[in-house]
Amino acid sequence: MLEALETGFRGERWFRLIDKVYAERTLQRAWDRVSSNGGSAGVDGMSVERFAKDCDNRLLAVKEQLKASTCHPSPVKRVWIDKPGGANVRRECRA
């Protein structure tokens, strides 16, 4: 299964998963969801409003970065938050 995810199927259906991620329709759908639900700024600090002003070019740039494997997510900081009234904690991830 892991090999199939990395190299893709040979039945001419798909070869890699990443090409589905950077497909224009996938990126557009992701942007539509973020913009419609009042998403907040990303780890780069860019607001949804600022991204929207030039979203076509910005989505194209994201596509090209993903396609060229030059887009690398920032590490995530894991923090533990005490739950009120007990000794339990919950994990939260932050950029």
PDB file of N, CA and C in Angstrom:
ATOM      1  N   MET A   1       0.818  -1.193   0.000  1.00  0.00           N
ATOM      2  CA  MET A   1       0.000   0.000   0.000  1.00  0.00           C
ATOM      3  C   MET A   1       0.863   1.259   0.000  1.00  0.00           C
ATOM      4  N   LEU A   2       1.904   1.281   0.860  1.00  0.00           N
ATOM      5  CA  LEU A   2       2.770   2.456   0.909  1.00  0.00           C
ATOM      6  C   LEU A   2       3.494   2.656  -0.414  1.00  0.00           C
ATOM      7  N   GLU A   3       3.918   1.566  -1.020  1.00  0.00           N
ATOM      8  CA  GLU A   3       4.577   1.676  -2.324  1.00  0.00           C
ATOM      9  C   GLU A   3       3.610   2.230  -3.366  1.00  0.00           C
ATOM     10  N   ALA A   4       2.365   1.779  -3.326  1.00  0.00           N
ATOM     11  CA  ALA A   4       1.367   2.269  -4.286  1.00  0.00           C
ATOM     12  C   ALA A   4       1.110   3.759  -4.085  1.00  0.00           C
ATOM     13  N   LEU A   5       1.090   4.231  -2.837  1.00  0.00           N
ATOM     14  CA  LEU A   5       0.888   5.652  -2.593  1.00  0.00           C
ATOM     15  C   LEU A   5       2.062   6.482  -3.095  1.00  0.00           C
ATOM     16  N   GLU A   6       3.267   5.931  -2.983  1.00  0.00           N
ATOM     17  CA  GLU A   6       4.441   6.679  -3.412  1.00  0.00           C
ATOM     18  C   GLU A   6       4.629   6.648  -4.926  1.00  0.00           C
ATOM     19  N   THR A   7       4.468   5.500  -5.524  1.00  0.00           N
ATOM     20  CA  THR A   7       4.738   5.375  -6.959  1.00  0.00           C
ATOM     21  C   THR A   7       3.478   5.424  -7.805  1.00  0.00           C
ATOM     22  N   GLY A   8       2.337   5.162  -7.221  1.00  0.00           N
ATOM     23  CA  GLY A   8       1.076   5.196  -7.962  1.00  0.00           C
ATOM     24  C   GLY A   8       0.763   3.864  -8.605  1.00  0.00           C
ATOM     25  N   PHE A   9      -0.453   3.733  -9.022  1.00  0.00           N
ATOM     26  CA  PHE A   9      -0.874   2.528  -9.727  1.00  0.00           C
ATOM     27  C   PHE A   9      -0.407   2.592 -11.165  1.00  0.00           C
ATOM     28  N   ARG A  10      -0.238   1.436 -11.777  1.00  0.00           N
ATOM     29  CA  ARG A  10       0.234   1.376 -13.158  1.00  0.00           C
ATOM     30  C   ARG A  10      -0.918   1.214 -14.153  1.00  0.00           C
ATOM     31  N   GLY A  11      -2.142   1.174 -13.688  1.00  0.00           N
ATOM     32  CA  GLY A  11      -3.284   0.982 -14.576  1.00  0.00           C
ATOM     33  C   GLY A  11      -3.713   2.241 -15.287  1.00  0.00           C
ATOM     34  N   GLU A  12      -2.832   3.192 -15.440  1.00  0.00           N
ATOM     35  CA  GLU A  12      -3.072   4.467 -16.108  1.00  0.00           C
ATOM     36  C   GLU A  12      -4.196   5.272 -15.479  1.00  0.00           C
ATOM     37  N   ARG A  13      -4.476   5.030 -14.222  1.00  0.00           N
ATOM     38  CA  ARG A  13      -5.470   5.835 -13.522  1.00  0.00           C
ATOM     39  C   ARG A  13      -4.801   6.996 -12.822  1.00  0.00           C
ATOM     40  N   TRP A  14      -3.785   6.740 -12.027  1.00  0.00           N
ATOM     41  CA  TRP A  14      -2.990   7.792 -11.410  1.00  0.00           C
ATOM     42  C   TRP A  14      -1.635   7.223 -11.067  1.00  0.00           C
ATOM     43  N   PHE A  15      -0.669   8.064 -10.991  1.00  0.00           N
ATOM     44  CA  PHE A  15       0.676   7.610 -10.705  1.00  0.00           C
ATOM     45  C   PHE A  15       1.181   8.111  -9.357  1.00  0.00           C
ATOM     46  N   ARG A  16       0.762   9.290  -8.958  1.00  0.00           N
ATOM     47  CA  ARG A  16       1.182   9.832  -7.675  1.00  0.00           C
ATOM     48  C   ARG A  16       0.019  10.578  -7.049  1.00  0.00           C
ATOM     49  N   LEU A  17       0.040  10.668  -5.746  1.00  0.00           N
ATOM     50  CA  LEU A  17      -1.016  11.368  -5.030  1.00  0.00           C
ATOM     51  C   LEU A  17      -0.823  12.876  -5.080  1.00  0.00           C
ATOM     52  N   ILE A  18       0.426  13.348  -5.090  1.00  0.00           N
ATOM     53  CA  ILE A  18       0.688  14.786  -5.039  1.00  0.00           C
ATOM     54  C   ILE A  18       0.084  15.518  -6.229  1.00  0.00           C
ATOM     55  N   ASP A  19       0.007  14.870  -7.392  1.00  0.00           N
ATOM     56  CA  ASP A  19      -0.578  15.569  -8.535  1.00  0.00           C
ATOM     57  C   ASP A  19      -2.066  15.830  -8.340  1.00  0.00           C
ATOM     58  N   LYS A  20      -2.697  15.079  -7.468  1.00  0.00           N
ATOM     59  CA  LYS A  20      -4.101  15.357  -7.126  1.00  0.00           C
ATOM     60  C   LYS A  20      -4.190  16.541  -6.166  1.00  0.00           C
ATOM     61  N   VAL A  21      -3.168  16.710  -5.323  1.00  0.00           N
ATOM     62  CA  VAL A  21      -3.154  17.810  -4.358  1.00  0.00           C
ATOM     63  C   VAL A  21      -2.987  19.135  -5.083  1.00  0.00           C
ATOM     64  N   TYR A  22      -2.069  19.206  -6.052  1.00  0.00           N
ATOM     65  CA  TYR A  22      -1.836  20.484  -6.728  1.00  0.00           C
ATOM     66  C   TYR A  22      -2.697  20.697  -7.972  1.00  0.00           C
ATOM     67  N   ALA A  23      -3.663  19.833  -8.184  1.00  0.00           N
ATOM     68  CA  ALA A  23      -4.605  20.052  -9.288  1.00  0.00           C
ATOM     69  C   ALA A  23      -5.364  21.354  -9.044  1.00  0.00           C
ATOM     70  N   GLU A  24      -5.572  22.120 -10.110  1.00  0.00           N
ATOM     71  CA  GLU A  24      -6.223  23.425  -9.972  1.00  0.00           C
ATOM     72  C   GLU A  24      -7.577  23.330  -9.291  1.00  0.00           C
ATOM     73  N   ARG A  25      -8.356  22.322  -9.620  1.00  0.00           N
ATOM     74  CA  ARG A  25      -9.693  22.212  -9.019  1.00  0.00           C
ATOM     75  C   ARG A  25      -9.599  21.916  -7.525  1.00  0.00           C
ATOM     76  N   THR A  26      -8.581  21.154  -7.109  1.00  0.00           N
ATOM     77  CA  THR A  26      -8.395  20.862  -5.689  1.00  0.00           C
ATOM     78  C   THR A  26      -8.013  22.123  -4.936  1.00  0.00           C
ATOM     79  N   LEU A  27      -7.057  22.877  -5.474  1.00  0.00           N
ATOM     80  CA  LEU A  27      -6.636  24.115  -4.826  1.00  0.00           C
ATOM     81  C   LEU A  27      -7.767  25.138  -4.796  1.00  0.00           C
ATOM     82  N   GLN A  28      -8.531  25.220  -5.879  1.00  0.00           N
ATOM     83  CA  GLN A  28      -9.651  26.164  -5.916  1.00  0.00           C
ATOM     84  C   GLN A  28     -10.711  25.792  -4.888  1.00  0.00           C
ATOM     85  N   ARG A  29     -10.990  24.508  -4.776  1.00  0.00           N
ATOM     86  CA  ARG A  29     -11.990  24.061  -3.806  1.00  0.00           C
ATOM     87  C   ARG A  29     -11.522  24.339  -2.376  1.00  0.00           C
ATOM     88  N   ALA A  30     -10.229  24.111  -2.122  1.00  0.00           N
ATOM     89  CA  ALA A  30      -9.681  24.403  -0.797  1.00  0.00           C
ATOM     90  C   ALA A  30      -9.799  25.891  -0.495  1.00  0.00           C
ATOM     91  N   TRP A  31      -9.457  26.723  -1.474  1.00  0.00           N
ATOM     92  CA  TRP A  31      -9.557  28.177  -1.282  1.00  0.00           C
ATOM     93  C   TRP A  31     -11.001  28.594  -1.043  1.00  0.00           C
ATOM     94  N   ASP A  32     -11.934  28.026  -1.799  1.00  0.00           N
ATOM     95  CA  ASP A  32     -13.352  28.348  -1.612  1.00  0.00           C
ATOM     96  C   ASP A  32     -13.802  28.032  -0.183  1.00  0.00           C
ATOM     97  N   ARG A  33     -13.341  26.907   0.351  1.00  0.00           N
ATOM     98  CA  ARG A  33     -13.728  26.528   1.715  1.00  0.00           C
ATOM     99  C   ARG A  33     -13.129  27.484   2.740  1.00  0.00           C
ATOM    100  N   VAL A  34     -11.864  27.837   2.570  1.00  0.00           N
ATOM    101  CA  VAL A  34     -11.221  28.750   3.514  1.00  0.00           C
ATOM    102  C   VAL A  34     -11.883  30.118   3.470  1.00  0.00           C
ATOM    103  N   SER A  35     -12.101  30.628   2.262  1.00  0.00           N
ATOM    104  CA  SER A  35     -12.674  31.973   2.148  1.00  0.00           C
ATOM    105  C   SER A  35     -14.125  32.027   2.608  1.00  0.00           C
ATOM    106  N   SER A  36     -14.860  30.941   2.464  1.00  0.00           N
ATOM    107  CA  SER A  36     -16.266  30.964   2.858  1.00  0.00           C
ATOM    108  C   SER A  36     -16.474  30.779   4.356  1.00  0.00           C
ATOM    109  N   ASN A  37     -15.504  30.182   5.041  1.00  0.00           N
ATOM    110  CA  ASN A  37     -15.710  29.947   6.469  1.00  0.00           C
ATOM    111  C   ASN A  37     -14.979  30.948   7.353  1.00  0.00           C
ATOM    112  N   GLY A  38     -14.507  32.025   6.758  1.00  0.00           N
ATOM    113  CA  GLY A  38     -13.869  33.072   7.548  1.00  0.00           C
ATOM    114  C   GLY A  38     -12.535  32.645   8.133  1.00  0.00           C
ATOM    115  N   GLY A  39     -11.774  31.863   7.356  1.00  0.00           N
ATOM    116  CA  GLY A  39     -10.474  31.384   7.811  1.00  0.00           C
ATOM    117  C   GLY A  39      -9.571  32.521   8.265  1.00  0.00           C
ATOM    118  N   SER A  40      -8.579  32.172   9.053  1.00  0.00           N
ATOM    119  CA  SER A  40      -7.663  33.183   9.577  1.00  0.00           C
ATOM    120  C   SER A  40      -6.340  33.134   8.824  1.00  0.00           C
ATOM    121  N   ALA A  41      -5.448  34.027   9.185  1.00  0.00           N
ATOM    122  CA  ALA A  41      -4.147  34.112   8.526  1.00  0.00           C
ATOM    123  C   ALA A  41      -3.380  32.807   8.704  1.00  0.00           C
ATOM    124  N   GLY A  42      -2.578  32.492   7.695  1.00  0.00           N
ATOM    125  CA  GLY A  42      -1.747  31.300   7.758  1.00  0.00           C
ATOM    126  C   GLY A  42      -0.476  31.564   8.549  1.00  0.00           C
ATOM    127  N   VAL A  43       0.419  30.583   8.561  1.00  0.00           N
ATOM    128  CA  VAL A  43       1.665  30.732   9.309  1.00  0.00           C
ATOM    129  C   VAL A  43       2.528  31.837   8.728  1.00  0.00           C
ATOM    130  N   ASP A  44       2.280  32.205   7.470  1.00  0.00           N
ATOM    131  CA  ASP A  44       3.032  33.304   6.861  1.00  0.00           C
ATOM    132  C   ASP A  44       2.454  34.667   7.226  1.00  0.00           C
ATOM    133  N   GLY A  45       1.328  34.668   7.947  1.00  0.00           N
ATOM    134  CA  GLY A  45       0.717  35.915   8.390  1.00  0.00           C
ATOM    135  C   GLY A  45      -0.169  36.579   7.358  1.00  0.00           C
ATOM    136  N   MET A  46      -0.347  35.967   6.190  1.00  0.00           N
ATOM    137  CA  MET A  46      -1.184  36.570   5.151  1.00  0.00           C
ATOM    138  C   MET A  46      -2.657  36.351   5.472  1.00  0.00           C
ATOM    139  N   SER A  47      -3.414  37.411   5.487  1.00  0.00           N
ATOM    140  CA  SER A  47      -4.839  37.325   5.789  1.00  0.00           C
ATOM    141  C   SER A  47      -5.598  36.778   4.579  1.00  0.00           C
ATOM    142  N   VAL A  48      -6.796  36.301   4.850  1.00  0.00           N
ATOM    143  CA  VAL A  48      -7.664  35.802   3.779  1.00  0.00           C
ATOM    144  C   VAL A  48      -7.989  36.940   2.811  1.00  0.00           C
ATOM    145  N   GLU A  49      -8.214  38.132   3.348  1.00  0.00           N
ATOM    146  CA  GLU A  49      -8.544  39.278   2.499  1.00  0.00           C
ATOM    147  C   GLU A  49      -7.392  39.618   1.553  1.00  0.00           C
ATOM    148  N   ARG A  50      -6.167  39.572   2.068  1.00  0.00           N
ATOM    149  CA  ARG A  50      -5.005  39.870   1.229  1.00  0.00           C
ATOM    150  C   ARG A  50      -4.803  38.796   0.164  1.00  0.00           C
ATOM    151  N   PHE A  51      -4.973  37.540   0.540  1.00  0.00           N
ATOM    152  CA  PHE A  51      -4.839  36.439  -0.417  1.00  0.00           C
ATOM    153  C   PHE A  51      -5.889  36.576  -1.517  1.00  0.00           C
ATOM    154  N   ALA A  52      -7.104  36.978  -1.128  1.00  0.00           N
ATOM    155  CA  ALA A  52      -8.211  37.076  -2.080  1.00  0.00           C
ATOM    156  C   ALA A  52      -7.967  38.117  -3.162  1.00  0.00           C
ATOM    157  N   LYS A  53      -7.190  39.156  -2.866  1.00  0.00           N
ATOM    158  CA  LYS A  53      -6.956  40.220  -3.841  1.00  0.00           C
ATOM    159  C   LYS A  53      -6.238  39.719  -5.089  1.00  0.00           C
ATOM    160  N   ASP A  54      -5.476  38.648  -4.961  1.00  0.00           N
ATOM    161  CA  ASP A  54      -4.746  38.108  -6.105  1.00  0.00           C
ATOM    162  C   ASP A  54      -4.751  36.579  -6.034  1.00  0.00           C
ATOM    163  N   CYS A  55      -5.921  36.021  -5.715  1.00  0.00           N
ATOM    164  CA  CYS A  55      -5.987  34.589  -5.431  1.00  0.00           C
ATOM    165  C   CYS A  55      -5.595  33.718  -6.626  1.00  0.00           C
ATOM    166  N   ASP A  56      -5.935  34.125  -7.842  1.00  0.00           N
ATOM    167  CA  ASP A  56      -5.587  33.296  -9.001  1.00  0.00           C
ATOM    168  C   ASP A  56      -4.081  33.124  -9.128  1.00  0.00           C
ATOM    169  N   ASN A  57      -3.338  34.217  -9.027  1.00  0.00           N
ATOM    170  CA  ASN A  57      -1.887  34.133  -9.110  1.00  0.00           C
ATOM    171  C   ASN A  57      -1.280  33.426  -7.904  1.00  0.00           C
ATOM    172  N   ARG A  58      -1.864  33.644  -6.736  1.00  0.00           N
ATOM    173  CA  ARG A  58      -1.347  32.999  -5.535  1.00  0.00           C
ATOM    174  C   ARG A  58      -1.598  31.490  -5.575  1.00  0.00           C
ATOM    175  N   LEU A  59      -2.766  31.069  -6.059  1.00  0.00           N
ATOM    176  CA  LEU A  59      -3.040  29.637  -6.189  1.00  0.00           C
ATOM    177  C   LEU A  59      -2.102  29.002  -7.214  1.00  0.00           C
ATOM    178  N   LEU A  60      -1.819  29.723  -8.281  1.00  0.00           N
ATOM    179  CA  LEU A  60      -0.878  29.225  -9.281  1.00  0.00           C
ATOM    180  C   LEU A  60       0.520  29.071  -8.674  1.00  0.00           C
ATOM    181  N   ALA A  61       0.917  30.021  -7.837  1.00  0.00           N
ATOM    182  CA  ALA A  61       2.223  29.937  -7.173  1.00  0.00           C
ATOM    183  C   ALA A  61       2.279  28.740  -6.228  1.00  0.00           C
ATOM    184  N   VAL A  62       1.194  28.508  -5.496  1.00  0.00           N
ATOM    185  CA  VAL A  62       1.135  27.348  -4.605  1.00  0.00           C
ATOM    186  C   VAL A  62       1.245  26.069  -5.426  1.00  0.00           C
ATOM    187  N   LYS A  63       0.522  26.016  -6.531  1.00  0.00           N
ATOM    188  CA  LYS A  63       0.575  24.847  -7.411  1.00  0.00           C
ATOM    189  C   LYS A  63       2.005  24.585  -7.876  1.00  0.00           C
ATOM    190  N   GLU A  64       2.672  25.619  -8.331  1.00  0.00           N
ATOM    191  CA  GLU A  64       4.037  25.451  -8.846  1.00  0.00           C
ATOM    192  C   GLU A  64       5.003  25.031  -7.736  1.00  0.00           C
ATOM    193  N   GLN A  65       4.819  25.563  -6.528  1.00  0.00           N
ATOM    194  CA  GLN A  65       5.679  25.166  -5.413  1.00  0.00           C
ATOM    195  C   GLN A  65       5.456  23.703  -5.044  1.00  0.00           C
ATOM    196  N   LEU A  66       4.202  23.282  -5.017  1.00  0.00           N
ATOM    197  CA  LEU A  66       3.901  21.882  -4.720  1.00  0.00           C
ATOM    198  C   LEU A  66       4.441  20.973  -5.821  1.00  0.00           C
ATOM    199  N   LYS A  67       4.258  21.391  -7.049  1.00  0.00           N
ATOM    200  CA  LYS A  67       4.701  20.593  -8.192  1.00  0.00           C
ATOM    201  C   LYS A  67       6.221  20.443  -8.202  1.00  0.00           C
ATOM    202  N   ALA A  68       6.930  21.488  -7.834  1.00  0.00           N
ATOM    203  CA  ALA A  68       8.392  21.465  -7.834  1.00  0.00           C
ATOM    204  C   ALA A  68       8.972  20.946  -6.513  1.00  0.00           C
ATOM    205  N   SER A  69       8.110  20.590  -5.583  1.00  0.00           N
ATOM    206  CA  SER A  69       8.529  20.118  -4.252  1.00  0.00           C
ATOM    207  C   SER A  69       9.365  21.156  -3.511  1.00  0.00           C
ATOM    208  N   THR A  70       9.043  22.422  -3.717  1.00  0.00           N
ATOM    209  CA  THR A  70       9.747  23.487  -3.004  1.00  0.00           C
ATOM    210  C   THR A  70       8.892  24.081  -1.889  1.00  0.00           C
ATOM    211  N   CYS A  71       7.698  23.574  -1.717  1.00  0.00           N
ATOM    212  CA  CYS A  71       6.800  24.033  -0.656  1.00  0.00           C
ATOM    213  C   CYS A  71       6.965  23.098   0.530  1.00  0.00           C
ATOM    214  N   HIS A  72       7.476  23.622   1.629  1.00  0.00           N
ATOM    215  CA  HIS A  72       7.691  22.808   2.816  1.00  0.00           C
ATOM    216  C   HIS A  72       6.945  23.430   3.982  1.00  0.00           C
ATOM    217  N   PRO A  73       6.046  22.663   4.614  1.00  0.00           N
ATOM    218  CA  PRO A  73       5.307  23.215   5.746  1.00  0.00           C
ATOM    219  C   PRO A  73       6.220  23.509   6.924  1.00  0.00           C
ATOM    220  N   SER A  74       5.833  24.485   7.691  1.00  0.00           N
ATOM    221  CA  SER A  74       6.577  24.818   8.900  1.00  0.00           C
ATOM    222  C   SER A  74       6.369  23.732   9.945  1.00  0.00           C
ATOM    223  N   PRO A  75       7.363  23.524  10.798  1.00  0.00           N
ATOM    224  CA  PRO A  75       7.170  22.541  11.873  1.00  0.00           C
ATOM    225  C   PRO A  75       6.028  22.971  12.787  1.00  0.00           C
ATOM    226  N   VAL A  76       5.382  22.008  13.378  1.00  0.00           N
ATOM    227  CA  VAL A  76       4.268  22.267  14.279  1.00  0.00           C
ATOM    228  C   VAL A  76       4.757  22.124  15.708  1.00  0.00           C
ATOM    229  N   LYS A  77       4.373  23.059  16.547  1.00  0.00           N
ATOM    230  CA  LYS A  77       4.736  23.007  17.959  1.00  0.00           C
ATOM    231  C   LYS A  77       3.602  22.321  18.706  1.00  0.00           C
ATOM    232  N   ARG A  78       3.931  21.286  19.434  1.00  0.00           N
ATOM    233  CA  ARG A  78       2.934  20.570  20.213  1.00  0.00           C
ATOM    234  C   ARG A  78       2.990  21.076  21.649  1.00  0.00           C
ATOM    235  N   VAL A  79       1.853  21.483  22.169  1.00  0.00           N
ATOM    236  CA  VAL A  79       1.780  21.942  23.554  1.00  0.00           C
ATOM    237  C   VAL A  79       0.734  21.113  24.298  1.00  0.00           C
ATOM    238  N   TRP A  80       0.912  20.997  25.580  1.00  0.00           N
ATOM    239  CA  TRP A  80      -0.019  20.258  26.425  1.00  0.00           C
ATOM    240  C   TRP A  80      -0.771  21.257  27.292  1.00  0.00           C
ATOM    241  N   ILE A  81      -2.082  21.157  27.266  1.00  0.00           N
ATOM    242  CA  ILE A  81      -2.941  22.085  27.998  1.00  0.00           C
ATOM    243  C   ILE A  81      -3.672  21.312  29.093  1.00  0.00           C
ATOM    244  N   ASP A  82      -3.561  21.826  30.328  1.00  0.00           N
ATOM    245  CA  ASP A  82      -4.246  21.185  31.451  1.00  0.00           C
ATOM    246  C   ASP A  82      -5.756  21.332  31.292  1.00  0.00           C
ATOM    247  N   LYS A  83      -6.456  20.251  31.565  1.00  0.00           N
ATOM    248  CA  LYS A  83      -7.911  20.305  31.576  1.00  0.00           C
ATOM    249  C   LYS A  83      -8.357  20.753  32.965  1.00  0.00           C
ATOM    250  N   PRO A  84      -9.383  21.606  33.026  1.00  0.00           N
ATOM    251  CA  PRO A  84      -9.833  22.073  34.338  1.00  0.00           C
ATOM    252  C   PRO A  84     -10.423  20.927  35.168  1.00  0.00           C
ATOM    253  N   GLY A  85     -10.125  20.963  36.461  1.00  0.00           N
ATOM    254  CA  GLY A  85     -10.730  20.010  37.385  1.00  0.00           C
ATOM    255  C   GLY A  85     -10.120  18.622  37.384  1.00  0.00           C
ATOM    256  N   GLY A  86      -8.924  18.476  36.902  1.00  0.00           N
ATOM    257  CA  GLY A  86      -8.334  17.137  36.909  1.00  0.00           C
ATOM    258  C   GLY A  86      -6.869  17.155  36.528  1.00  0.00           C
ATOM    259  N   ALA A  87      -6.325  15.982  36.524  1.00  0.00           N
ATOM    260  CA  ALA A  87      -4.908  15.848  36.220  1.00  0.00           C
ATOM    261  C   ALA A  87      -4.682  15.566  34.731  1.00  0.00           C
ATOM    262  N   ASN A  88      -5.745  15.530  33.968  1.00  0.00           N
ATOM    263  CA  ASN A  88      -5.613  15.213  32.541  1.00  0.00           C
ATOM    264  C   ASN A  88      -5.171  16.437  31.738  1.00  0.00           C
ATOM    265  N   VAL A  89      -4.535  16.158  30.624  1.00  0.00           N
ATOM    266  CA  VAL A  89      -4.116  17.209  29.706  1.00  0.00           C
ATOM    267  C   VAL A  89      -4.582  16.844  28.302  1.00  0.00           C
ATOM    268  N   ARG A  90      -4.660  17.855  27.477  1.00  0.00           N
ATOM    269  CA  ARG A  90      -4.983  17.598  26.079  1.00  0.00           C
ATOM    270  C   ARG A  90      -3.882  18.196  25.226  1.00  0.00           C
ATOM    271  N   ARG A  91      -3.673  17.574  24.089  1.00  0.00           N
ATOM    272  CA  ARG A  91      -2.628  18.025  23.182  1.00  0.00           C
ATOM    273  C   ARG A  91      -3.206  19.034  22.196  1.00  0.00           C
ATOM    274  N   GLU A  92      -2.448  20.058  21.908  1.00  0.00           N
ATOM    275  CA  GLU A  92      -2.841  21.038  20.908  1.00  0.00           C
ATOM    276  C   GLU A  92      -1.618  21.337  20.046  1.00  0.00           C
ATOM    277  N   CYS A  93      -1.850  21.438  18.756  1.00  0.00           N
ATOM    278  CA  CYS A  93      -0.758  21.745  17.834  1.00  0.00           C
ATOM    279  C   CYS A  93      -0.878  23.201  17.396  1.00  0.00           C
ATOM    280  N   ARG A  94       0.236  23.875  17.383  1.00  0.00           N
ATOM    281  CA  ARG A  94       0.278  25.274  16.962  1.00  0.00           C
ATOM    282  C   ARG A  94       1.395  25.460  15.972  1.00  0.00           C
ATOM    283  N   ALA A  95       1.211  26.427  15.085  1.00  0.00           N
ATOM    284  CA  ALA A  95       2.249  26.719  14.097  1.00  0.00           C
ATOM    285  C   ALA A  95       3.326  27.570  14.705  1.00  0.00           C
TER     286      ALA A  95
END
